[in-house]
Amino acid sequence: MSQLRYALRLDAARHHLVEIELRFPVDTATVEVALPAWCPGSYLIRDYARFVRDLVVLGDDGARRTTTKRDKSTWVIDVHGARELRVHYAVYGHDLTVRTNHIDADHAFLHGPATFLYPTHLRAAPIELELAIG
């Protein structure tokens, strides 16, 4: 079974948004989630996190968890006893290049480093991806 489960919804594509839920198990008091600051083939530091919107984290009890942005691409989550976290966020994409996201009513080009927040301690974990197009 995959440790990282992503569900992407494109219901708001005309607004250039993809909605994402990331679910993963936890066994620590705090967890860091991050977006990369670079991508293969592009040798500049990027600020992909500036396109993240409405980040909310819920525990397996349904209660919201405190989330603090530590730096430009990392958030720290207070797990508060949860055994699984659900990270909900949206990503804005309106720049059509090979290193960014572009989402509109006709198509969605989703660039992995600019889209998928990941728990830093599970960086190499297997993933499962579900895509829903509205």
Foldseek 3Di string as FASTA:
>chain_A
DFQWEKEWECPPLQQQKIKIKIKGFDDDQKWKKWFAQDDPPDPDGHQLLVQKADKWKAAPVRDTWDWDAPDSTMIMTGNVPGGMMIIIIMGGFPDDDQQTWRGRPPDTDHDVSSPDIDTPVCVPTDYHYHYHYD
